N, C-alpha and C. Protein backbone atom coordinates (compact mmCIF):
# COMPACT_ATOMS: atom_id res chain seq x y z
N MET A 1 17.78 -2.11 2.77
CA MET A 1 16.37 -2.27 3.12
C MET A 1 16.08 -1.52 4.42
N LYS A 2 14.94 -0.90 4.49
CA LYS A 2 14.57 -0.11 5.66
C LYS A 2 14.36 -1.01 6.87
N ASN A 3 14.70 -0.46 8.04
CA ASN A 3 14.51 -1.19 9.28
C ASN A 3 13.19 -0.73 9.90
N LEU A 4 12.16 -1.53 9.77
CA LEU A 4 10.84 -1.17 10.26
C LEU A 4 10.46 -2.04 11.45
N PRO A 5 9.58 -1.52 12.32
CA PRO A 5 9.14 -2.33 13.46
C PRO A 5 8.32 -3.53 13.01
N GLN A 6 8.38 -4.60 13.79
CA GLN A 6 7.55 -5.78 13.52
C GLN A 6 6.12 -5.42 13.90
N ILE A 7 5.21 -5.62 12.98
CA ILE A 7 3.80 -5.30 13.20
C ILE A 7 2.99 -6.58 13.03
N SER A 8 2.20 -6.92 14.05
CA SER A 8 1.38 -8.14 13.99
C SER A 8 0.22 -7.92 13.03
N GLU A 9 -0.47 -9.01 12.70
CA GLU A 9 -1.64 -8.92 11.81
C GLU A 9 -2.70 -7.99 12.38
N ALA A 10 -2.97 -8.11 13.67
CA ALA A 10 -3.98 -7.26 14.31
C ALA A 10 -3.53 -5.80 14.29
N GLU A 11 -2.26 -5.57 14.61
CA GLU A 11 -1.74 -4.20 14.60
C GLU A 11 -1.77 -3.62 13.19
N LEU A 12 -1.60 -4.47 12.20
CA LEU A 12 -1.66 -4.01 10.81
C LEU A 12 -3.04 -3.45 10.49
N GLU A 13 -4.08 -4.05 11.03
CA GLU A 13 -5.43 -3.54 10.81
C GLU A 13 -5.58 -2.13 11.38
N VAL A 14 -4.97 -1.89 12.53
CA VAL A 14 -4.98 -0.55 13.13
C VAL A 14 -4.20 0.42 12.24
N MET A 15 -3.03 -0.03 11.77
CA MET A 15 -2.20 0.82 10.92
C MET A 15 -2.93 1.18 9.63
N LYS A 16 -3.68 0.25 9.07
CA LYS A 16 -4.42 0.52 7.83
C LYS A 16 -5.40 1.68 8.03
N VAL A 17 -6.06 1.71 9.18
CA VAL A 17 -6.98 2.81 9.48
C VAL A 17 -6.21 4.12 9.58
N ILE A 18 -5.08 4.09 10.26
CA ILE A 18 -4.31 5.32 10.46
C ILE A 18 -3.65 5.78 9.15
N TRP A 19 -3.21 4.84 8.31
CA TRP A 19 -2.67 5.22 7.01
C TRP A 19 -3.76 5.88 6.16
N LYS A 20 -4.95 5.36 6.25
CA LYS A 20 -6.06 5.90 5.46
C LYS A 20 -6.53 7.25 6.00
N HIS A 21 -6.41 7.44 7.31
CA HIS A 21 -6.88 8.67 7.97
C HIS A 21 -5.78 9.21 8.89
N PRO A 22 -4.72 9.79 8.33
CA PRO A 22 -3.66 10.33 9.20
C PRO A 22 -4.24 11.42 10.11
N SER A 23 -3.63 11.59 11.24
CA SER A 23 -4.11 12.55 12.24
C SER A 23 -5.53 12.20 12.69
N ILE A 24 -5.69 10.97 13.13
CA ILE A 24 -6.98 10.47 13.59
C ILE A 24 -6.92 10.29 15.10
N ASN A 25 -8.02 10.60 15.79
CA ASN A 25 -7.99 10.48 17.25
C ASN A 25 -8.47 9.10 17.71
N THR A 26 -8.28 8.85 18.98
CA THR A 26 -8.59 7.54 19.57
C THR A 26 -10.03 7.12 19.28
N ASN A 27 -10.96 8.03 19.52
CA ASN A 27 -12.39 7.69 19.33
C ASN A 27 -12.69 7.33 17.88
N GLU A 28 -12.06 8.04 16.94
CA GLU A 28 -12.29 7.75 15.53
C GLU A 28 -11.70 6.40 15.14
N VAL A 29 -10.53 6.08 15.68
CA VAL A 29 -9.92 4.77 15.40
C VAL A 29 -10.84 3.67 15.92
N ILE A 30 -11.32 3.83 17.13
CA ILE A 30 -12.23 2.83 17.74
C ILE A 30 -13.50 2.70 16.91
N GLU A 31 -14.06 3.83 16.50
CA GLU A 31 -15.30 3.81 15.71
C GLU A 31 -15.09 3.06 14.38
N LYS A 32 -14.01 3.34 13.69
CA LYS A 32 -13.76 2.70 12.40
C LYS A 32 -13.46 1.21 12.56
N LEU A 33 -12.68 0.84 13.56
CA LEU A 33 -12.35 -0.58 13.75
C LEU A 33 -13.54 -1.37 14.30
N SER A 34 -14.44 -0.71 15.00
CA SER A 34 -15.63 -1.40 15.51
C SER A 34 -16.54 -1.86 14.38
N LYS A 35 -16.43 -1.21 13.22
CA LYS A 35 -17.25 -1.59 12.06
C LYS A 35 -16.72 -2.85 11.38
N THR A 36 -15.42 -3.12 11.54
CA THR A 36 -14.81 -4.25 10.82
C THR A 36 -14.28 -5.35 11.74
N SER A 37 -14.32 -5.13 13.04
CA SER A 37 -13.80 -6.14 13.98
C SER A 37 -14.71 -6.23 15.20
N LYS A 38 -14.44 -7.23 16.01
CA LYS A 38 -15.19 -7.40 17.25
C LYS A 38 -14.36 -7.00 18.46
N TRP A 39 -13.28 -6.25 18.22
CA TRP A 39 -12.40 -5.83 19.31
C TRP A 39 -13.08 -4.81 20.20
N SER A 40 -12.80 -4.92 21.48
CA SER A 40 -13.31 -3.94 22.43
C SER A 40 -12.47 -2.66 22.31
N PRO A 41 -13.02 -1.54 22.77
CA PRO A 41 -12.24 -0.30 22.75
C PRO A 41 -10.91 -0.44 23.52
N LYS A 42 -10.92 -1.19 24.60
CA LYS A 42 -9.70 -1.39 25.39
C LYS A 42 -8.64 -2.15 24.57
N THR A 43 -9.06 -3.15 23.82
CA THR A 43 -8.14 -3.91 22.97
C THR A 43 -7.51 -2.99 21.93
N ILE A 44 -8.33 -2.14 21.31
CA ILE A 44 -7.84 -1.21 20.30
C ILE A 44 -6.84 -0.24 20.92
N GLN A 45 -7.16 0.27 22.10
CA GLN A 45 -6.24 1.18 22.79
C GLN A 45 -4.92 0.49 23.12
N THR A 46 -4.98 -0.78 23.49
CA THR A 46 -3.76 -1.54 23.78
C THR A 46 -2.92 -1.67 22.52
N MET A 47 -3.54 -1.94 21.40
CA MET A 47 -2.80 -2.05 20.14
C MET A 47 -2.17 -0.71 19.75
N LEU A 48 -2.90 0.37 19.97
CA LEU A 48 -2.34 1.70 19.70
C LEU A 48 -1.10 1.95 20.55
N LEU A 49 -1.18 1.59 21.83
CA LEU A 49 -0.02 1.76 22.72
C LEU A 49 1.16 0.91 22.27
N ARG A 50 0.90 -0.32 21.86
CA ARG A 50 1.97 -1.19 21.36
C ARG A 50 2.64 -0.59 20.13
N LEU A 51 1.84 -0.05 19.23
CA LEU A 51 2.38 0.54 18.01
C LEU A 51 3.22 1.78 18.32
N ILE A 52 2.83 2.53 19.34
CA ILE A 52 3.62 3.69 19.77
C ILE A 52 4.96 3.21 20.33
N LYS A 53 4.91 2.19 21.20
CA LYS A 53 6.14 1.66 21.80
C LYS A 53 7.09 1.10 20.75
N LYS A 54 6.53 0.52 19.69
CA LYS A 54 7.35 -0.05 18.62
C LYS A 54 7.90 1.03 17.69
N GLY A 55 7.36 2.25 17.81
CA GLY A 55 7.82 3.33 16.96
C GLY A 55 7.08 3.45 15.64
N ALA A 56 6.01 2.68 15.48
CA ALA A 56 5.24 2.73 14.25
C ALA A 56 4.29 3.93 14.21
N LEU A 57 3.90 4.41 15.40
CA LEU A 57 2.98 5.55 15.50
C LEU A 57 3.58 6.65 16.35
N ASN A 58 3.12 7.85 16.05
CA ASN A 58 3.41 9.01 16.87
C ASN A 58 2.07 9.49 17.41
N HIS A 59 2.06 10.13 18.56
CA HIS A 59 0.80 10.64 19.09
C HIS A 59 1.03 11.93 19.88
N HIS A 60 -0.02 12.71 19.94
CA HIS A 60 -0.01 13.91 20.78
C HIS A 60 -1.44 14.12 21.29
N LYS A 61 -1.54 14.85 22.38
CA LYS A 61 -2.84 15.05 23.00
C LYS A 61 -3.48 16.34 22.47
N GLU A 62 -4.74 16.22 22.08
CA GLU A 62 -5.55 17.37 21.69
C GLU A 62 -6.80 17.35 22.55
N GLY A 63 -6.87 18.24 23.49
CA GLY A 63 -8.01 18.24 24.41
C GLY A 63 -7.99 17.00 25.28
N ARG A 64 -9.03 16.20 25.15
CA ARG A 64 -9.13 14.99 25.99
C ARG A 64 -8.77 13.71 25.25
N VAL A 65 -8.36 13.82 23.99
CA VAL A 65 -8.05 12.62 23.22
C VAL A 65 -6.64 12.70 22.62
N PHE A 66 -6.12 11.54 22.29
CA PHE A 66 -4.83 11.47 21.59
C PHE A 66 -5.09 11.42 20.09
N VAL A 67 -4.19 12.04 19.34
CA VAL A 67 -4.25 12.02 17.89
C VAL A 67 -3.03 11.26 17.40
N TYR A 68 -3.25 10.33 16.46
CA TYR A 68 -2.19 9.44 15.99
C TYR A 68 -1.81 9.75 14.55
N THR A 69 -0.51 9.69 14.30
CA THR A 69 0.01 9.81 12.94
C THR A 69 1.03 8.68 12.74
N PRO A 70 1.12 8.17 11.52
CA PRO A 70 2.05 7.07 11.27
C PRO A 70 3.50 7.54 11.18
N ASN A 71 4.40 6.79 11.78
CA ASN A 71 5.85 7.01 11.62
C ASN A 71 6.39 6.15 10.49
N VAL A 72 5.60 5.18 10.07
CA VAL A 72 5.98 4.25 9.02
C VAL A 72 5.07 4.49 7.83
N ALA A 73 5.65 4.75 6.67
CA ALA A 73 4.84 4.94 5.47
C ALA A 73 4.30 3.59 5.01
N GLU A 74 3.07 3.59 4.56
CA GLU A 74 2.45 2.35 4.09
C GLU A 74 3.26 1.74 2.95
N SER A 75 3.73 2.56 2.04
CA SER A 75 4.50 2.04 0.90
C SER A 75 5.80 1.38 1.36
N ASP A 76 6.45 1.94 2.38
CA ASP A 76 7.67 1.33 2.92
C ASP A 76 7.36 -0.01 3.55
N TYR A 77 6.27 -0.07 4.31
CA TYR A 77 5.89 -1.31 4.98
C TYR A 77 5.57 -2.39 3.95
N VAL A 78 4.79 -2.03 2.93
CA VAL A 78 4.42 -3.01 1.90
C VAL A 78 5.66 -3.50 1.17
N GLU A 79 6.58 -2.59 0.87
CA GLU A 79 7.81 -2.98 0.17
C GLU A 79 8.62 -3.99 0.98
N VAL A 80 8.82 -3.71 2.25
CA VAL A 80 9.62 -4.59 3.11
C VAL A 80 8.92 -5.93 3.31
N GLU A 81 7.63 -5.91 3.56
CA GLU A 81 6.89 -7.16 3.78
C GLU A 81 6.80 -7.99 2.50
N SER A 82 6.66 -7.34 1.36
CA SER A 82 6.62 -8.06 0.08
C SER A 82 7.95 -8.76 -0.17
N ARG A 83 9.03 -8.05 0.06
CA ARG A 83 10.37 -8.62 -0.12
C ARG A 83 10.57 -9.78 0.84
N SER A 84 10.13 -9.63 2.08
CA SER A 84 10.26 -10.68 3.08
C SER A 84 9.48 -11.93 2.65
N PHE A 85 8.26 -11.72 2.16
CA PHE A 85 7.43 -12.83 1.68
C PHE A 85 8.12 -13.56 0.53
N LEU A 86 8.61 -12.80 -0.44
CA LEU A 86 9.31 -13.40 -1.57
C LEU A 86 10.53 -14.20 -1.13
N ASN A 87 11.29 -13.64 -0.20
CA ASN A 87 12.49 -14.34 0.29
C ASN A 87 12.15 -15.62 1.04
N ARG A 88 11.11 -15.57 1.86
CA ARG A 88 10.73 -16.75 2.65
C ARG A 88 10.20 -17.89 1.80
N PHE A 89 9.36 -17.56 0.83
CA PHE A 89 8.65 -18.61 0.10
C PHE A 89 9.19 -18.90 -1.30
N TYR A 90 9.87 -17.93 -1.89
CA TYR A 90 10.30 -18.09 -3.29
C TYR A 90 11.77 -17.73 -3.50
N ASN A 91 12.55 -17.78 -2.43
CA ASN A 91 13.98 -17.43 -2.51
C ASN A 91 14.23 -16.10 -3.20
N GLY A 92 13.31 -15.16 -3.01
CA GLY A 92 13.47 -13.82 -3.56
C GLY A 92 13.13 -13.69 -5.03
N ALA A 93 12.64 -14.74 -5.66
CA ALA A 93 12.38 -14.71 -7.10
C ALA A 93 10.91 -14.44 -7.40
N LEU A 94 10.62 -13.26 -7.88
CA LEU A 94 9.25 -12.89 -8.21
C LEU A 94 8.68 -13.78 -9.31
N ASN A 95 9.52 -14.12 -10.29
CA ASN A 95 9.03 -14.97 -11.37
C ASN A 95 8.57 -16.34 -10.86
N SER A 96 9.22 -16.86 -9.83
CA SER A 96 8.80 -18.15 -9.25
C SER A 96 7.42 -18.03 -8.62
N MET A 97 7.16 -16.90 -7.97
CA MET A 97 5.86 -16.70 -7.35
C MET A 97 4.77 -16.61 -8.42
N VAL A 98 5.01 -15.81 -9.46
CA VAL A 98 4.02 -15.66 -10.52
C VAL A 98 3.78 -17.01 -11.20
N LEU A 99 4.85 -17.73 -11.47
CA LEU A 99 4.73 -19.05 -12.09
C LEU A 99 3.89 -19.99 -11.23
N ASN A 100 4.11 -19.95 -9.93
CA ASN A 100 3.32 -20.77 -9.01
C ASN A 100 1.83 -20.44 -9.12
N PHE A 101 1.50 -19.15 -9.17
CA PHE A 101 0.11 -18.75 -9.30
C PHE A 101 -0.47 -19.18 -10.65
N LEU A 102 0.33 -19.07 -11.71
CA LEU A 102 -0.13 -19.47 -13.03
C LEU A 102 -0.36 -20.98 -13.11
N GLU A 103 0.58 -21.75 -12.59
CA GLU A 103 0.48 -23.21 -12.65
C GLU A 103 -0.67 -23.75 -11.83
N ASN A 104 -1.05 -23.04 -10.79
CA ASN A 104 -2.15 -23.50 -9.94
C ASN A 104 -3.46 -22.79 -10.24
N ASP A 105 -3.53 -22.17 -11.41
CA ASP A 105 -4.74 -21.48 -11.87
C ASP A 105 -5.30 -20.50 -10.83
N LYS A 106 -4.40 -19.77 -10.18
CA LYS A 106 -4.83 -18.80 -9.18
C LYS A 106 -5.02 -17.41 -9.78
N LEU A 107 -4.66 -17.23 -11.06
CA LEU A 107 -4.83 -15.94 -11.73
C LEU A 107 -5.92 -16.07 -12.79
N SER A 108 -6.85 -15.13 -12.76
CA SER A 108 -7.91 -15.12 -13.77
C SER A 108 -7.35 -14.56 -15.07
N ASP A 109 -8.10 -14.72 -16.14
CA ASP A 109 -7.69 -14.15 -17.42
C ASP A 109 -7.52 -12.64 -17.32
N ASP A 110 -8.42 -11.99 -16.60
CA ASP A 110 -8.32 -10.54 -16.41
C ASP A 110 -7.03 -10.16 -15.68
N GLU A 111 -6.68 -10.92 -14.65
CA GLU A 111 -5.45 -10.64 -13.90
C GLU A 111 -4.21 -10.87 -14.78
N ILE A 112 -4.24 -11.91 -15.59
CA ILE A 112 -3.12 -12.18 -16.49
C ILE A 112 -2.98 -11.04 -17.50
N ASN A 113 -4.10 -10.58 -18.05
CA ASN A 113 -4.06 -9.47 -19.00
C ASN A 113 -3.56 -8.19 -18.34
N GLU A 114 -3.98 -7.96 -17.11
CA GLU A 114 -3.52 -6.78 -16.38
C GLU A 114 -2.01 -6.85 -16.14
N LEU A 115 -1.52 -8.01 -15.73
CA LEU A 115 -0.07 -8.19 -15.55
C LEU A 115 0.68 -7.96 -16.85
N TYR A 116 0.15 -8.49 -17.92
CA TYR A 116 0.77 -8.31 -19.23
C TYR A 116 0.87 -6.83 -19.58
N GLN A 117 -0.22 -6.09 -19.37
CA GLN A 117 -0.24 -4.66 -19.67
C GLN A 117 0.77 -3.91 -18.81
N ILE A 118 0.84 -4.24 -17.54
CA ILE A 118 1.80 -3.59 -16.63
C ILE A 118 3.23 -3.84 -17.10
N LEU A 119 3.52 -5.09 -17.46
CA LEU A 119 4.86 -5.44 -17.93
C LEU A 119 5.19 -4.74 -19.24
N GLU A 120 4.25 -4.67 -20.14
CA GLU A 120 4.47 -3.98 -21.42
C GLU A 120 4.75 -2.49 -21.20
N GLU A 121 3.95 -1.86 -20.33
CA GLU A 121 4.16 -0.44 -20.02
C GLU A 121 5.54 -0.21 -19.41
N ARG A 122 5.93 -1.08 -18.50
CA ARG A 122 7.24 -0.95 -17.85
C ARG A 122 8.36 -1.14 -18.87
N LYS A 123 8.18 -2.10 -19.75
CA LYS A 123 9.17 -2.37 -20.79
C LYS A 123 9.31 -1.16 -21.72
N ASN A 124 8.19 -0.58 -22.10
CA ASN A 124 8.20 0.59 -22.99
C ASN A 124 8.85 1.80 -22.32
N ARG A 125 8.62 2.00 -21.03
CA ARG A 125 9.24 3.11 -20.30
C ARG A 125 10.75 2.97 -20.24
N LYS A 126 11.21 1.73 -20.06
CA LYS A 126 12.65 1.49 -19.98
C LYS A 126 13.34 1.71 -21.33
N GLN A 127 12.60 1.51 -22.42
CA GLN A 127 13.17 1.68 -23.75
C GLN A 127 13.25 3.14 -24.16
N GLU A 128 12.51 3.99 -23.50
CA GLU A 128 12.49 5.43 -23.85
C GLU A 128 13.72 6.14 -23.39
């Protein structure tokens, strides 16, 4: 399993913006996060600095602003965090998690049908 930096919930929101817009400058990050949060520009800059220190972001200066690029791929982060979630709550068993959602009526009929289709497609690919 990949060794990734620990990213807080707030820092994850910053990372989502940078994953969506690689090579984004400070002002653009602040502008985008100001639409979805009540964080001050200083708070956002602090989170950017923390992410750099943790190794999650890379940055370089262009003119008067810094430009940020992710050092951590979103897919890698999701994979590690998903596995961690499964291990913490379901002893690593995906079927236990799905069963929990089914038993507590947390999946709609559409979601169940979508899962069924995904599983069927995966099963058919493995048989080829």
